[in-house]
N, C-alpha and C. Protein backbone atom coordinates (compact mmCIF):
# COMPACT_ATOMS: atom_id res chain seq x y z
N MET A 1 61.07 9.83 -142.14
CA MET A 1 62.08 10.58 -141.29
C MET A 1 63.31 10.02 -141.29
N LYS A 2 63.52 8.67 -141.66
CA LYS A 2 64.66 8.11 -141.93
C LYS A 2 65.29 8.34 -143.36
N ARG A 3 64.47 8.72 -144.17
CA ARG A 3 64.95 9.00 -145.65
C ARG A 3 65.91 10.38 -145.50
N ALA A 4 64.69 11.28 -144.96
CA ALA A 4 65.06 12.61 -144.70
C ALA A 4 66.38 12.95 -143.94
N LEU A 5 66.75 12.25 -143.23
CA LEU A 5 68.04 12.14 -142.24
C LEU A 5 68.94 11.68 -143.37
N GLY A 6 68.68 10.48 -144.16
CA GLY A 6 69.82 10.23 -144.95
C GLY A 6 70.27 10.95 -146.00
N TYR A 7 69.10 11.89 -146.33
CA TYR A 7 69.48 12.84 -147.44
C TYR A 7 70.50 13.97 -146.76
N LEU A 8 69.63 14.15 -145.64
CA LEU A 8 70.73 15.42 -144.76
C LEU A 8 71.96 15.06 -144.86
N LEU A 9 72.23 13.51 -144.43
CA LEU A 9 73.40 13.01 -144.36
C LEU A 9 74.39 13.08 -145.63
N LEU A 10 73.54 12.69 -146.42
CA LEU A 10 74.32 12.43 -147.80
C LEU A 10 74.71 13.89 -148.22
N GLY A 11 73.79 14.83 -148.07
CA GLY A 11 74.02 16.48 -148.51
C GLY A 11 75.30 16.74 -148.02
N PHE A 12 75.35 16.61 -146.61
CA PHE A 12 76.54 17.28 -145.62
C PHE A 12 77.68 16.43 -146.18
N LEU A 13 77.67 15.05 -146.57
CA LEU A 13 79.24 14.45 -146.99
C LEU A 13 79.51 15.15 -148.32
N ILE A 14 78.45 15.38 -149.15
CA ILE A 14 78.78 15.68 -150.45
C ILE A 14 79.55 17.19 -150.24
N SER A 15 78.84 18.14 -149.40
CA SER A 15 79.53 19.44 -149.12
C SER A 15 80.60 19.28 -148.86
N VAL A 16 80.73 18.79 -147.74
CA VAL A 16 82.33 18.48 -147.13
C VAL A 16 83.34 18.22 -148.27
N LEU A 17 83.09 16.96 -149.13
CA LEU A 17 83.77 16.45 -150.26
C LEU A 17 84.30 17.81 -151.06
N MET A 18 83.20 18.42 -151.46
CA MET A 18 83.14 19.65 -152.55
C MET A 18 84.15 20.53 -151.91
N LEU A 19 83.92 21.00 -150.46
CA LEU A 19 84.85 21.78 -150.04
C LEU A 19 86.22 21.49 -149.98
N THR A 20 86.47 20.16 -149.51
CA THR A 20 87.84 19.51 -149.59
C THR A 20 88.52 19.92 -150.99
N VAL A 21 87.75 19.16 -152.22
CA VAL A 21 88.26 19.35 -153.42
C VAL A 21 88.70 20.66 -154.01
N MET A 22 87.68 21.70 -153.46
CA MET A 22 87.82 22.96 -154.01
C MET A 22 89.38 23.75 -153.54
N ASN A 23 89.60 23.33 -152.36
CA ASN A 23 90.86 23.57 -151.55
C ASN A 23 91.92 23.06 -151.73
N VAL A 24 92.16 21.97 -152.91
CA VAL A 24 93.40 21.34 -152.91
C VAL A 24 94.21 22.26 -153.65
N ASN A 25 95.42 22.28 -153.43
CA ASN A 25 96.56 23.21 -154.13
C ASN A 25 96.62 22.65 -155.43
N GLU A 26 97.05 23.44 -156.23
CA GLU A 26 97.29 23.26 -158.00
C GLU A 26 98.54 22.37 -157.91
N PHE A 27 99.05 21.55 -158.77
CA PHE A 27 99.85 20.70 -159.16
C PHE A 27 101.05 21.24 -159.01
N GLY A 28 102.06 21.13 -158.19
CA GLY A 28 103.41 21.98 -157.84
C GLY A 28 103.42 23.20 -157.06
N GLU A 29 102.31 23.29 -156.30
CA GLU A 29 102.25 24.45 -155.67
C GLU A 29 102.25 23.78 -154.21
N HIS A 30 102.91 24.17 -153.03
CA HIS A 30 103.41 23.68 -152.09
C HIS A 30 102.58 24.48 -150.75
N SER A 31 101.88 24.17 -149.90
CA SER A 31 101.26 25.04 -148.97
C SER A 31 102.37 25.07 -147.84
N ILE A 32 103.26 23.94 -147.71
CA ILE A 32 104.18 23.76 -146.35
C ILE A 32 105.40 23.79 -146.87
N GLY A 33 106.55 24.95 -146.63
CA GLY A 33 107.42 25.38 -146.60
C GLY A 33 108.66 24.01 -146.34
N VAL A 34 108.41 22.75 -145.92
CA VAL A 34 109.21 21.88 -145.27
C VAL A 34 110.41 21.74 -146.42
N GLY A 35 109.87 21.48 -147.68
CA GLY A 35 110.99 21.25 -148.66
C GLY A 35 111.97 22.19 -148.87
N GLU A 36 111.32 23.32 -148.98
CA GLU A 36 112.32 24.46 -149.02
C GLU A 36 113.04 24.77 -148.01
N HIS A 37 113.10 24.43 -146.49
CA HIS A 37 113.61 24.43 -145.35
C HIS A 37 114.88 23.63 -145.80
N TYR A 38 114.58 22.00 -145.98
CA TYR A 38 115.55 20.95 -146.32
C TYR A 38 116.68 21.52 -147.41
N LEU A 39 116.47 22.03 -148.31
CA LEU A 39 116.98 22.70 -149.48
C LEU A 39 117.91 23.87 -149.17
N ASP A 40 117.34 25.03 -148.36
CA ASP A 40 118.01 25.71 -148.13
C ASP A 40 118.88 25.89 -146.57
N GLU A 41 118.33 25.11 -145.56
CA GLU A 41 118.99 24.87 -144.26
C GLU A 41 119.75 23.83 -144.24
N GLY A 42 119.14 22.62 -144.99
CA GLY A 42 119.72 20.97 -144.93
C GLY A 42 121.26 20.96 -144.41
N LEU A 43 122.27 21.60 -145.49
CA LEU A 43 123.44 21.29 -145.34
C LEU A 43 124.13 22.07 -144.01
N GLU A 44 123.84 23.07 -144.08
CA GLU A 44 124.10 24.16 -142.69
C GLU A 44 124.00 23.47 -141.26
N GLU A 45 122.68 22.72 -141.37
CA GLU A 45 122.12 22.25 -140.11
C GLU A 45 122.96 20.93 -139.59
N SER A 46 123.13 20.16 -140.79
CA SER A 46 123.89 19.04 -140.73
C SER A 46 125.64 18.62 -140.61
N GLY A 47 126.02 19.56 -141.76
CA GLY A 47 127.17 19.54 -142.12
C GLY A 47 127.55 18.66 -142.97
N ALA A 48 126.52 17.62 -143.60
CA ALA A 48 126.68 16.92 -144.70
C ALA A 48 126.95 17.45 -146.03
N THR A 49 127.77 16.64 -146.77
CA THR A 49 128.17 17.22 -148.18
C THR A 49 127.27 16.49 -149.04
N ASN A 50 126.44 15.90 -148.93
CA ASN A 50 125.56 15.31 -150.08
C ASN A 50 123.97 15.64 -149.11
N LEU A 51 123.34 16.40 -150.14
CA LEU A 51 122.00 16.85 -149.52
C LEU A 51 120.87 15.83 -149.27
N VAL A 52 120.87 14.75 -150.50
CA VAL A 52 120.05 13.60 -150.38
C VAL A 52 120.12 12.88 -149.56
N THR A 53 121.48 12.58 -148.71
CA THR A 53 121.91 11.61 -147.87
C THR A 53 121.51 12.45 -146.84
N ASN A 54 121.68 13.76 -146.48
CA ASN A 54 121.48 14.65 -145.43
C ASN A 54 119.78 14.26 -145.25
N ILE A 55 119.27 14.49 -146.01
CA ILE A 55 117.62 14.19 -145.67
C ILE A 55 117.10 12.95 -145.38
N VAL A 56 117.67 11.77 -145.91
CA VAL A 56 117.39 10.86 -145.79
C VAL A 56 118.08 10.31 -144.32
N LEU A 57 118.92 10.71 -143.84
CA LEU A 57 119.67 10.29 -142.91
C LEU A 57 119.41 10.98 -141.77
N ASP A 58 119.09 12.40 -141.76
CA ASP A 58 119.14 13.20 -140.86
C ASP A 58 117.42 13.76 -140.38
N TYR A 59 116.66 14.09 -141.57
CA TYR A 59 115.50 14.69 -141.37
C TYR A 59 114.45 13.14 -141.48
N ARG A 60 114.61 12.25 -142.15
CA ARG A 60 113.81 11.13 -142.53
C ARG A 60 114.62 9.92 -141.65
N GLY A 61 115.31 9.87 -140.63
CA GLY A 61 115.65 9.11 -140.27
C GLY A 61 114.99 8.03 -139.44
N TYR A 62 113.85 8.29 -138.96
CA TYR A 62 112.91 7.43 -138.08
C TYR A 62 112.27 6.85 -139.09
N ASP A 63 111.76 7.27 -140.23
CA ASP A 63 111.13 7.01 -141.27
C ASP A 63 111.69 5.95 -141.74
N THR A 64 113.26 5.95 -142.19
CA THR A 64 113.79 5.16 -142.92
C THR A 64 114.09 4.26 -142.05
N LEU A 65 114.28 3.91 -140.54
CA LEU A 65 114.38 3.08 -139.50
C LEU A 65 113.03 2.20 -139.70
N GLY A 66 111.94 2.58 -139.74
CA GLY A 66 110.44 2.02 -139.68
C GLY A 66 110.49 0.89 -141.21
N GLU A 67 110.86 1.71 -142.40
CA GLU A 67 111.02 0.96 -143.29
C GLU A 67 111.52 -0.05 -143.35
N VAL A 68 113.09 -0.08 -143.07
CA VAL A 68 113.93 -1.15 -142.81
C VAL A 68 113.19 -2.48 -141.90
N THR A 69 112.77 -1.92 -140.77
CA THR A 69 112.24 -2.57 -139.95
C THR A 69 111.09 -3.75 -140.50
N VAL A 70 110.28 -2.96 -141.05
CA VAL A 70 109.05 -3.61 -141.92
C VAL A 70 109.73 -4.79 -142.94
N LEU A 71 110.75 -4.13 -143.72
CA LEU A 71 111.20 -4.84 -144.86
C LEU A 71 111.96 -6.22 -144.09
N PHE A 72 112.79 -5.98 -142.90
CA PHE A 72 113.32 -7.15 -142.86
C PHE A 72 112.37 -8.30 -142.01
N THR A 73 111.24 -7.49 -140.90
CA THR A 73 110.31 -8.36 -140.62
C THR A 73 109.96 -9.44 -141.82
N ALA A 74 109.53 -8.72 -142.70
CA ALA A 74 108.70 -9.35 -143.98
C ALA A 74 109.48 -10.45 -144.54
N THR A 75 110.95 -10.06 -144.72
CA THR A 75 111.97 -11.05 -145.45
C THR A 75 112.12 -12.07 -144.37
N THR A 76 111.96 -12.04 -143.19
CA THR A 76 111.95 -12.75 -142.08
C THR A 76 111.23 -14.14 -142.11
N GLY A 77 110.07 -13.44 -142.16
CA GLY A 77 108.51 -14.22 -142.34
C GLY A 77 108.66 -14.99 -143.50
N VAL A 78 108.86 -14.42 -144.77
CA VAL A 78 108.83 -15.26 -145.68
C VAL A 78 110.06 -16.22 -145.93
N ALA A 79 111.35 -16.01 -145.53
CA ALA A 79 112.14 -16.78 -145.47
C ALA A 79 111.78 -18.20 -144.18
N ALA A 80 110.96 -17.57 -143.21
CA ALA A 80 110.66 -18.78 -142.23
C ALA A 80 109.46 -19.83 -143.02
N LEU A 81 108.73 -19.02 -143.65
CA LEU A 81 107.70 -20.16 -144.39
C LEU A 81 108.44 -20.90 -145.51
N PHE A 82 109.45 -20.81 -146.01
CA PHE A 82 110.20 -21.15 -146.93
C PHE A 82 110.84 -22.41 -146.24
N TRP A 83 111.56 -22.20 -145.20
CA TRP A 83 112.18 -23.21 -144.51
C TRP A 83 111.18 -24.10 -143.87
N ARG A 84 110.26 -23.65 -143.18
CA ARG A 84 109.22 -24.66 -143.20
C ARG A 84 108.44 -25.65 -143.75
N GLU A 85 108.51 -25.14 -144.89
CA GLU A 85 107.97 -26.06 -146.20
C GLU A 85 108.77 -26.82 -146.77
N LYS A 86 110.36 -26.57 -146.57
CA LYS A 86 111.34 -27.40 -146.93
C LYS A 86 111.77 -28.31 -146.17
N HIS A 87 112.10 -28.08 -145.03
CA HIS A 87 112.23 -29.09 -143.79
C HIS A 87 111.08 -29.72 -143.20
N GLY A 88 110.26 -28.95 -143.27
CA GLY A 88 108.86 -29.62 -142.35
C GLY A 88 109.05 -29.40 -140.80
N ARG A 89 107.86 -29.72 -140.22
CA ARG A 89 108.33 -29.79 -138.86
C ARG A 89 108.42 -31.19 -138.35
N LYS A 90 109.05 -31.67 -137.77
CA LYS A 90 109.76 -32.78 -137.17
C LYS A 90 109.00 -33.04 -135.93
N GLU A 91 108.72 -34.11 -135.84
CA GLU A 91 108.02 -34.70 -134.45
C GLU A 91 109.04 -34.97 -133.12
N LYS A 92 108.61 -34.76 -132.15
CA LYS A 92 109.82 -35.30 -131.15
C LYS A 92 109.66 -36.59 -130.71
N GLU A 93 110.69 -37.50 -130.72
CA GLU A 93 110.70 -39.04 -130.67
C GLU A 93 110.54 -39.13 -129.09
């Protein structure tokens, strides 16, 4: 009984995987028109003169802020580790 249930589950997972792979777009084919919207309407919506800067700062601003926060936190952590190893922890007297 357990073996039959295992085969049934395996067959279901393989079917889902096959359906997913069959519905993937061809390379270069887009199913979402977000990129085209950025190119067509980006400069008019923001008033920026540079389209790349517009996309990074206007449309992807929160994403960029998150990436900068992660980089700052990682850099601060590494610097703290190096500082601690160089100076060591001093005991109170």
